[in-house]
Amino acid sequence: MPTTPDRQQIAQSFGLDAERYDRTRPRYPAAMIERIAVDAHDLLDVGIGTGIAARQFRDAGCQVLGVEPDPRMAEVARRYGFAVEESRFEDWEPRGRTFDAVVAGQTWHWVDPVASAARAAEVLRPGGRLALFWNTVEPPAELAAAFGEVYRRAAPSLPFNPFAVADPYASVAEKATTGLDTAFGTPEVWRYSWEHEYTREDWLDQVPTAGGHGLLPPDELKALVEGLGEVIGERFTMPYATVTVTATRAGRG
């Protein structure tokens, strides 16, 4: 019987197919990117991954340095022209460098929040912004129930059902404030609602990139993808919310 993957295995699974991850993962709302970028010439991207958010920040005028523990993901980001230093953020050595902004897209729940908040405070210039953000799907109740049933039936090895709760990142965003109270001002939460139209093929293409999905036994992953394909139409619109937890470094430059 296959064992349930642990947290570290799940965190390391995103690089199993880094090209698919880069191709299929949703981007971030332009309004959020611009709000962060307006005062951020030099930006540190924690868990840069394949550079999805980094490309948006670069297009908004930021100079981006990435930190990424997975060499497979880092290699894709480098091909897009980013400097990437391979390290866990908690262990990363800033070597005296400072930044206007530190961002983390879909990654802060994989790091030690207290140690990482302290490291972010160390490298942010006075008044600099820390921005932690996540995309979360908000399907209509009927579709969420159908997806949840497919997961229960087809993927029993997955340690969590992403459609079992209405807002899977709500508790993650709440926990993200841990460690911010000492060096940062009172955190704010921004929320951006948006939609993306998918074809059935596009949606199913990204399923294996979700957390832990790439570690499923092949027969379960196949059954999951086929089952999800049966409950969506040729095209459908998926509502999203991007949740951003943000705070500024104490002091002013």
C-alpha atoms as a PDB file:
ATOM      1  CA  MET A   1       0.000   0.000   0.000  1.00  0.00           C
ATOM      2  CA  PRO A   2       1.462   3.425  -0.932  1.00  0.00           C
ATOM      3  CA  THR A   3       2.365   5.679   1.962  1.00  0.00           C
ATOM      4  CA  THR A   4       0.846   9.133   2.323  1.00  0.00           C
ATOM      5  CA  PRO A   5       3.406  11.773   1.266  1.00  0.00           C
ATOM      6  CA  ASP A   6       4.615  14.057   4.026  1.00  0.00           C
ATOM      7  CA  ARG A   7       4.796  17.840   3.938  1.00  0.00           C
ATOM      8  CA  GLN A   8       8.393  17.940   2.706  1.00  0.00           C
ATOM      9  CA  GLN A   9       7.686  15.489  -0.105  1.00  0.00           C
ATOM     10  CA  ILE A  10       4.717  17.571  -1.215  1.00  0.00           C
ATOM     11  CA  ALA A  11       6.801  20.758  -1.132  1.00  0.00           C
ATOM     12  CA  GLN A  12       9.408  19.103  -3.343  1.00  0.00           C
ATOM     13  CA  SER A  13       6.882  17.670  -5.782  1.00  0.00           C
ATOM     14  CA  PHE A  14       6.219  20.818  -7.782  1.00  0.00           C
ATOM     15  CA  GLY A  15       9.459  20.418  -9.709  1.00  0.00           C
ATOM     16  CA  LEU A  16       8.543  16.951 -10.963  1.00  0.00           C
ATOM     17  CA  ASP A  17       7.179  18.588 -14.095  1.00  0.00           C
ATOM     18  CA  ALA A  18       8.413  22.168 -13.922  1.00  0.00           C
ATOM     19  CA  GLU A  19       7.571  22.869 -17.548  1.00  0.00           C
ATOM     20  CA  ARG A  20       3.926  21.873 -17.053  1.00  0.00           C
ATOM     21  CA  TYR A  21       3.812  23.929 -13.854  1.00  0.00           C
ATOM     22  CA  ASP A  22       5.069  26.990 -15.707  1.00  0.00           C
ATOM     23  CA  ARG A  23       2.724  26.463 -18.637  1.00  0.00           C
ATOM     24  CA  THR A  24      -0.501  25.835 -16.748  1.00  0.00           C
ATOM     25  CA  ARG A  25      -0.445  27.628 -13.394  1.00  0.00           C
ATOM     26  CA  PRO A  26      -2.618  30.768 -13.205  1.00  0.00           C
ATOM     27  CA  ARG A  27      -1.020  34.182 -13.186  1.00  0.00           C
ATOM     28  CA  TYR A  28      -1.790  36.990 -10.723  1.00  0.00           C
ATOM     29  CA  PRO A  29      -4.075  40.036 -11.005  1.00  0.00           C
ATOM     30  CA  ALA A  30      -2.431  43.030 -12.652  1.00  0.00           C
ATOM     31  CA  ALA A  31      -3.888  45.339  -9.989  1.00  0.00           C
ATOM     32  CA  MET A  32      -2.032  43.472  -7.238  1.00  0.00           C
ATOM     33  CA  ILE A  33       1.223  43.371  -9.185  1.00  0.00           C
ATOM     34  CA  GLU A  34       1.075  47.111  -9.885  1.00  0.00           C
ATOM     35  CA  ARG A  35       0.199  47.964  -6.270  1.00  0.00           C
ATOM     36  CA  ILE A  36       3.291  46.144  -5.019  1.00  0.00           C
ATOM     37  CA  ALA A  37       5.575  47.237  -7.851  1.00  0.00           C
ATOM     38  CA  VAL A  38       4.869  50.968  -7.626  1.00  0.00           C
ATOM     39  CA  ASP A  39       7.472  51.467  -4.872  1.00  0.00           C
ATOM     40  CA  ALA A  40       9.657  48.443  -5.606  1.00  0.00           C
ATOM     41  CA  HIS A  41      12.633  48.889  -7.885  1.00  0.00           C
ATOM     42  CA  ASP A  42      14.584  46.001  -6.300  1.00  0.00           C
ATOM     43  CA  LEU A  43      12.444  42.990  -5.437  1.00  0.00           C
ATOM     44  CA  LEU A  44      13.266  39.648  -3.829  1.00  0.00           C
ATOM     45  CA  ASP A  45      11.017  36.755  -4.881  1.00  0.00           C
ATOM     46  CA  VAL A  46      10.954  34.031  -2.220  1.00  0.00           C
ATOM     47  CA  GLY A  47      10.248  30.679  -3.858  1.00  0.00           C
ATOM     48  CA  ILE A  48      10.472  32.154  -7.330  1.00  0.00           C
ATOM     49  CA  GLY A  49       9.591  28.760  -8.794  1.00  0.00           C
ATOM     50  CA  THR A  50       9.604  28.973 -12.578  1.00  0.00           C
ATOM     51  CA  GLY A  51       9.280  32.764 -12.491  1.00  0.00           C
ATOM     52  CA  ILE A  52       5.542  33.165 -13.052  1.00  0.00           C
ATOM     53  CA  ALA A  53       5.063  36.108 -10.680  1.00  0.00           C
ATOM     54  CA  ALA A  54       8.609  37.333 -11.316  1.00  0.00           C
ATOM     55  CA  ARG A  55       7.854  37.896 -14.998  1.00  0.00           C
ATOM     56  CA  GLN A  56       4.840  39.993 -14.090  1.00  0.00           C
ATOM     57  CA  PHE A  57       6.878  42.073 -11.641  1.00  0.00           C
ATOM     58  CA  ARG A  58       9.660  42.507 -14.195  1.00  0.00           C
ATOM     59  CA  ASP A  59       7.113  43.694 -16.769  1.00  0.00           C
ATOM     60  CA  ALA A  60       5.934  46.224 -14.159  1.00  0.00           C
ATOM     61  CA  GLY A  61       9.457  47.662 -13.921  1.00  0.00           C
ATOM     62  CA  CYS A  62      11.002  45.700 -11.026  1.00  0.00           C
ATOM     63  CA  GLN A  63      14.465  44.212 -10.927  1.00  0.00           C
ATOM     64  CA  VAL A  64      13.963  40.712  -9.516  1.00  0.00           C
ATOM     65  CA  LEU A  65      16.262  38.341  -7.636  1.00  0.00           C
ATOM     66  CA  GLY A  66      14.903  34.886  -6.891  1.00  0.00           C
ATOM     67  CA  VAL A  67      15.494  32.434  -4.059  1.00  0.00           C
ATOM     68  CA  GLU A  68      14.382  28.871  -4.799  1.00  0.00           C
ATOM     69  CA  PRO A  69      15.205  25.548  -3.080  1.00  0.00           C
ATOM     70  CA  ASP A  70      14.273  23.323  -6.054  1.00  0.00           C
ATOM     71  CA  PRO A  71      16.933  23.281  -8.802  1.00  0.00           C
ATOM     72  CA  ARG A  72      14.413  22.037 -11.363  1.00  0.00           C
ATOM     73  CA  MET A  73      12.195  25.049 -10.850  1.00  0.00           C
ATOM     74  CA  ALA A  74      15.174  27.407 -10.627  1.00  0.00           C
ATOM     75  CA  GLU A  75      16.471  26.218 -13.998  1.00  0.00           C
ATOM     76  CA  VAL A  76      13.227  27.237 -15.721  1.00  0.00           C
ATOM     77  CA  ALA A  77      13.310  30.672 -14.066  1.00  0.00           C
ATOM     78  CA  ARG A  78      16.902  31.159 -15.195  1.00  0.00           C
ATOM     79  CA  ARG A  79      15.886  30.438 -18.772  1.00  0.00           C
ATOM     80  CA  TYR A  80      13.577  33.452 -18.479  1.00  0.00           C
ATOM     81  CA  GLY A  81      16.598  35.555 -17.558  1.00  0.00           C
ATOM     82  CA  PHE A  82      16.322  35.707 -13.763  1.00  0.00           C
ATOM     83  CA  ALA A  83      19.191  35.404 -11.321  1.00  0.00           C
ATOM     84  CA  VAL A  84      18.186  32.629  -8.917  1.00  0.00           C
ATOM     85  CA  GLU A  85      20.031  31.535  -5.786  1.00  0.00           C
ATOM     86  CA  GLU A  86      19.239  27.975  -4.720  1.00  0.00           C
ATOM     87  CA  SER A  87      18.435  27.855  -1.022  1.00  0.00           C
ATOM     88  CA  ARG A  88      15.671  27.566   1.522  1.00  0.00           C
ATOM     89  CA  PHE A  89      14.789  31.135   2.458  1.00  0.00           C
ATOM     90  CA  GLU A  90      15.483  30.435   6.125  1.00  0.00           C
ATOM     91  CA  ASP A  91      19.069  29.446   5.184  1.00  0.00           C
ATOM     92  CA  TRP A  92      19.667  32.008   2.436  1.00  0.00           C
ATOM     93  CA  GLU A  93      22.551  34.441   2.938  1.00  0.00           C
ATOM     94  CA  PRO A  94      21.681  38.019   1.919  1.00  0.00           C
ATOM     95  CA  ARG A  95      25.343  39.154   2.117  1.00  0.00           C
ATOM     96  CA  GLY A  96      24.352  42.705   2.981  1.00  0.00           C
ATOM     97  CA  ARG A  97      21.893  43.126   0.123  1.00  0.00           C
ATOM     98  CA  THR A  98      18.629  44.999   0.706  1.00  0.00           C
ATOM     99  CA  PHE A  99      15.393  45.324  -1.261  1.00  0.00           C
ATOM    100  CA  ASP A 100      12.352  47.535  -1.640  1.00  0.00           C
ATOM    101  CA  ALA A 101       9.995  44.539  -1.559  1.00  0.00           C
ATOM    102  CA  VAL A 102      10.017  40.873  -0.607  1.00  0.00           C
ATOM    103  CA  VAL A 103       7.266  38.792  -2.184  1.00  0.00           C
ATOM    104  CA  ALA A 104       6.193  35.164  -1.993  1.00  0.00           C
ATOM    105  CA  GLY A 105       3.579  33.705  -4.324  1.00  0.00           C
ATOM    106  CA  GLN A 106       2.067  30.353  -3.267  1.00  0.00           C
ATOM    107  CA  THR A 107       5.124  29.646  -1.086  1.00  0.00           C
ATOM    108  CA  TRP A 108       4.966  31.143   2.424  1.00  0.00           C
ATOM    109  CA  HIS A 109       3.114  28.114   3.837  1.00  0.00           C
ATOM    110  CA  TRP A 110       6.168  25.980   2.963  1.00  0.00           C
ATOM    111  CA  VAL A 111       8.636  28.080   5.003  1.00  0.00           C
ATOM    112  CA  ASP A 112       9.118  28.655   8.710  1.00  0.00           C
ATOM    113  CA  PRO A 113       6.998  31.821   9.107  1.00  0.00           C
ATOM    114  CA  VAL A 114       8.838  33.214  12.132  1.00  0.00           C
ATOM    115  CA  ALA A 115      12.371  32.686  10.788  1.00  0.00           C
ATOM    116  CA  SER A 116      11.335  33.852   7.334  1.00  0.00           C
ATOM    117  CA  ALA A 117       9.640  36.997   8.638  1.00  0.00           C
ATOM    118  CA  ALA A 118      12.845  37.843  10.491  1.00  0.00           C
ATOM    119  CA  ARG A 119      14.904  37.254   7.339  1.00  0.00           C
ATOM    120  CA  ALA A 120      12.532  39.407   5.285  1.00  0.00           C
ATOM    121  CA  ALA A 121      12.790  42.209   7.843  1.00  0.00           C
ATOM    122  CA  GLU A 122      16.576  41.929   7.686  1.00  0.00           C
ATOM    123  CA  VAL A 123      16.724  42.501   3.926  1.00  0.00           C
ATOM    124  CA  LEU A 124      13.925  45.054   3.516  1.00  0.00           C
ATOM    125  CA  ARG A 125      14.801  48.708   3.472  1.00  0.00           C
ATOM    126  CA  PRO A 126      12.904  50.885   5.986  1.00  0.00           C
ATOM    127  CA  GLY A 127       9.350  51.259   4.704  1.00  0.00           C
ATOM    128  CA  GLY A 128       9.810  48.291   2.338  1.00  0.00           C
ATOM    129  CA  ARG A 129       6.908  45.946   1.711  1.00  0.00           C
ATOM    130  CA  LEU A 130       6.515  42.239   2.425  1.00  0.00           C
ATOM    131  CA  ALA A 131       3.727  40.740   0.271  1.00  0.00           C
ATOM    132  CA  LEU A 132       2.594  37.120   0.595  1.00  0.00           C
ATOM    133  CA  PHE A 133      -0.063  35.998  -1.854  1.00  0.00           C
ATOM    134  CA  TRP A 134      -2.053  32.965  -2.939  1.00  0.00           C
ATOM    135  CA  ASN A 135      -4.456  32.159  -5.746  1.00  0.00           C
ATOM    136  CA  THR A 136      -7.466  30.151  -4.614  1.00  0.00           C
ATOM    137  CA  VAL A 137     -10.284  28.791  -6.752  1.00  0.00           C
ATOM    138  CA  GLU A 138     -13.850  29.695  -5.839  1.00  0.00           C
ATOM    139  CA  PRO A 139     -16.000  27.339  -7.926  1.00  0.00           C
ATOM    140  CA  PRO A 140     -19.787  27.489  -7.770  1.00  0.00           C
ATOM    141  CA  ALA A 141     -21.191  25.218  -5.050  1.00  0.00           C
ATOM    142  CA  GLU A 142     -22.450  22.600  -7.511  1.00  0.00           C
ATOM    143  CA  LEU A 143     -19.097  22.323  -9.297  1.00  0.00           C
ATOM    144  CA  ALA A 144     -17.168  22.292  -5.992  1.00  0.00           C
ATOM    145  CA  ALA A 145     -19.331  19.414  -4.754  1.00  0.00           C
ATOM    146  CA  ALA A 146     -18.799  17.475  -7.987  1.00  0.00           C
ATOM    147  CA  PHE A 147     -15.033  18.038  -7.856  1.00  0.00           C
ATOM    148  CA  GLY A 148     -14.937  17.074  -4.175  1.00  0.00           C
ATOM    149  CA  GLU A 149     -16.733  13.800  -4.879  1.00  0.00           C
ATOM    150  CA  VAL A 150     -14.288  12.928  -7.672  1.00  0.00           C
ATOM    151  CA  TYR A 151     -11.374  13.541  -5.299  1.00  0.00           C
ATOM    152  CA  ARG A 152     -12.914  11.367  -2.590  1.00  0.00           C
ATOM    153  CA  ARG A 153     -13.551   8.538  -5.011  1.00  0.00           C
ATOM    154  CA  ALA A 154     -10.522   8.677  -7.305  1.00  0.00           C
ATOM    155  CA  ALA A 155      -7.638   9.950  -5.145  1.00  0.00           C
ATOM    156  CA  PRO A 156      -7.770   8.328  -1.686  1.00  0.00           C
ATOM    157  CA  SER A 157      -3.971   8.597  -1.365  1.00  0.00           C
ATOM    158  CA  LEU A 158      -4.078  12.395  -1.468  1.00  0.00           C
ATOM    159  CA  PRO A 159      -3.698  13.659   2.118  1.00  0.00           C
ATOM    160  CA  PHE A 160      -6.214  16.480   1.565  1.00  0.00           C
ATOM    161  CA  ASN A 161      -9.222  17.236  -0.599  1.00  0.00           C
ATOM    162  CA  PRO A 162      -8.781  20.727  -2.106  1.00  0.00           C
ATOM    163  CA  PHE A 163     -12.540  21.075  -2.557  1.00  0.00           C
ATOM    164  CA  ALA A 164     -13.531  19.971   0.941  1.00  0.00           C
ATOM    165  CA  VAL A 165     -13.509  23.562   2.253  1.00  0.00           C
ATOM    166  CA  ALA A 166     -14.815  26.751   0.710  1.00  0.00           C
ATOM    167  CA  ASP A 167     -11.606  28.792   1.079  1.00  0.00           C
ATOM    168  CA  PRO A 168      -8.593  26.471   1.395  1.00  0.00           C
ATOM    169  CA  TYR A 169      -6.096  29.308   1.909  1.00  0.00           C
ATOM    170  CA  ALA A 170      -8.029  31.216   4.570  1.00  0.00           C
ATOM    171  CA  SER A 171      -6.181  29.577   7.457  1.00  0.00           C
ATOM    172  CA  VAL A 172      -2.892  29.791   5.551  1.00  0.00           C
ATOM    173  CA  ALA A 173      -3.292  33.536   5.125  1.00  0.00           C
ATOM    174  CA  GLU A 174      -4.169  33.902   8.814  1.00  0.00           C
ATOM    175  CA  LYS A 175      -1.066  31.961   9.857  1.00  0.00           C
ATOM    176  CA  ALA A 176       1.060  34.109   7.539  1.00  0.00           C
ATOM    177  CA  THR A 177       0.843  36.961  10.042  1.00  0.00           C
ATOM    178  CA  THR A 178       2.909  34.897  12.516  1.00  0.00           C
ATOM    179  CA  GLY A 179       6.209  36.635  13.169  1.00  0.00           C
ATOM    180  CA  LEU A 180       5.238  39.924  11.523  1.00  0.00           C
ATOM    181  CA  ASP A 181       4.339  41.833  14.671  1.00  0.00           C
ATOM    182  CA  THR A 182       7.889  42.695  15.767  1.00  0.00           C
ATOM    183  CA  ALA A 183       9.543  44.205  12.701  1.00  0.00           C
ATOM    184  CA  PHE A 184       6.496  45.107  10.614  1.00  0.00           C
ATOM    185  CA  GLY A 185       3.488  47.334  10.885  1.00  0.00           C
ATOM    186  CA  THR A 186       0.000  45.918  11.260  1.00  0.00           C
ATOM    187  CA  PRO A 187      -0.598  43.489   8.368  1.00  0.00           C
ATOM    188  CA  GLU A 188      -3.243  44.225   5.773  1.00  0.00           C
ATOM    189  CA  VAL A 189      -5.182  41.679   3.732  1.00  0.00           C
ATOM    190  CA  TRP A 190      -5.984  42.497   0.128  1.00  0.00           C
ATOM    191  CA  ARG A 191      -8.395  40.338  -1.845  1.00  0.00           C
ATOM    192  CA  TYR A 192      -8.793  40.396  -5.620  1.00  0.00           C
ATOM    193  CA  SER A 193     -11.615  38.519  -7.351  1.00  0.00           C
ATOM    194  CA  TRP A 194     -11.227  37.526 -10.988  1.00  0.00           C
ATOM    195  CA  GLU A 195     -12.144  34.792 -13.451  1.00  0.00           C
ATOM    196  CA  HIS A 196     -10.419  32.635 -16.023  1.00  0.00           C
ATOM    197  CA  GLU A 197     -12.057  30.718 -18.852  1.00  0.00           C
ATOM    198  CA  TYR A 198     -10.686  27.208 -19.347  1.00  0.00           C
ATOM    199  CA  THR A 199     -11.103  24.570 -21.956  1.00  0.00           C
ATOM    200  CA  ARG A 200     -11.479  21.081 -20.516  1.00  0.00           C
ATOM    201  CA  GLU A 201      -7.990  20.193 -21.797  1.00  0.00           C
ATOM    202  CA  ASP A 202      -6.390  23.246 -20.217  1.00  0.00           C
ATOM    203  CA  TRP A 203      -7.942  22.557 -16.814  1.00  0.00           C
ATOM    204  CA  LEU A 204      -6.978  18.885 -16.835  1.00  0.00           C
ATOM    205  CA  ASP A 205      -3.449  19.777 -17.968  1.00  0.00           C
ATOM    206  CA  GLN A 206      -2.819  21.694 -14.752  1.00  0.00           C
ATOM    207  CA  VAL A 207      -4.306  19.136 -12.339  1.00  0.00           C
ATOM    208  CA  PRO A 208      -0.999  17.234 -11.822  1.00  0.00           C
ATOM    209  CA  THR A 209       0.745  20.479 -10.773  1.00  0.00           C
ATOM    210  CA  ALA A 210      -1.365  20.968  -7.637  1.00  0.00           C
ATOM    211  CA  GLY A 211       0.248  20.177  -4.286  1.00  0.00           C
ATOM    212  CA  GLY A 212       0.865  16.453  -3.842  1.00  0.00           C
ATOM    213  CA  HIS A 213      -0.908  15.470  -7.048  1.00  0.00           C
ATOM    214  CA  GLY A 214       2.306  14.533  -8.829  1.00  0.00           C
ATOM    215  CA  LEU A 215       3.009  11.994  -6.054  1.00  0.00           C
ATOM    216  CA  LEU A 216      -0.238  10.098  -6.547  1.00  0.00           C
ATOM    217  CA  PRO A 217       0.020   6.515  -7.826  1.00  0.00           C
ATOM    218  CA  PRO A 218      -0.362   6.656 -11.631  1.00  0.00           C
ATOM    219  CA  ASP A 219      -3.694   4.831 -11.584  1.00  0.00           C
ATOM    220  CA  GLU A 220      -5.137   7.301  -9.061  1.00  0.00           C
ATOM    221  CA  LEU A 221      -3.899  10.331 -10.977  1.00  0.00           C
ATOM    222  CA  LYS A 222      -5.363   8.911 -14.189  1.00  0.00           C
ATOM    223  CA  ALA A 223      -8.704   8.234 -12.494  1.00  0.00           C
ATOM    224  CA  LEU A 224      -8.697  11.718 -10.961  1.00  0.00           C
ATOM    225  CA  VAL A 225      -8.056  13.474 -14.265  1.00  0.00           C
ATOM    226  CA  GLU A 226     -10.637  11.364 -16.082  1.00  0.00           C
ATOM    227  CA  GLY A 227     -13.210  11.887 -13.329  1.00  0.00           C
ATOM    228  CA  LEU A 228     -12.741  15.652 -13.319  1.00  0.00           C
ATOM    229  CA  GLY A 229     -13.040  15.663 -17.094  1.00  0.00           C
ATOM    230  CA  GLU A 230     -16.449  14.041 -16.814  1.00  0.00           C
ATOM    231  CA  VAL A 231     -17.937  16.793 -14.634  1.00  0.00           C
ATOM    232  CA  ILE A 232     -16.850  19.857 -16.629  1.00  0.00           C
ATOM    233  CA  GLY A 233     -17.958  21.008 -20.034  1.00  0.00           C
ATOM    234  CA  GLU A 234     -15.872  21.736 -23.096  1.00  0.00           C
ATOM    235  CA  ARG A 235     -15.338  25.245 -21.715  1.00  0.00           C
ATOM    236  CA  PHE A 236     -16.071  26.693 -18.306  1.00  0.00           C
ATOM    237  CA  THR A 237     -15.243  29.772 -16.251  1.00  0.00           C
ATOM    238  CA  MET A 238     -13.463  29.328 -12.926  1.00  0.00           C
ATOM    239  CA  PRO A 239     -13.760  32.164 -10.390  1.00  0.00           C
ATOM    240  CA  TYR A 240     -10.580  32.921  -8.437  1.00  0.00           C
ATOM    241  CA  ALA A 241      -9.608  35.048  -5.480  1.00  0.00           C
ATOM    242  CA  THR A 242      -6.060  36.224  -4.898  1.00  0.00           C
ATOM    243  CA  VAL A 243      -5.432  36.787  -1.189  1.00  0.00           C
ATOM    244  CA  THR A 244      -2.492  38.997  -0.239  1.00  0.00           C
ATOM    245  CA  VAL A 245      -1.118  39.420   3.279  1.00  0.00           C
ATOM    246  CA  THR A 246       1.129  42.469   3.315  1.00  0.00           C
ATOM    247  CA  ALA A 247       2.986  44.625   5.819  1.00  0.00           C
ATOM    248  CA  THR A 248       5.659  47.302   5.697  1.00  0.00           C
ATOM    249  CA  ARG A 249       9.023  47.300   7.413  1.00  0.00           C
ATOM    250  CA  ALA A 250       9.166  49.555  10.448  1.00  0.00           C
ATOM    251  CA  GLY A 251      10.798  52.926   9.838  1.00  0.00           C
ATOM    252  CA  ARG A 252      11.074  55.119   6.777  1.00  0.00           C
ATOM    253  CA  GLY A 253      13.866  55.557   4.291  1.00  0.00           C
END
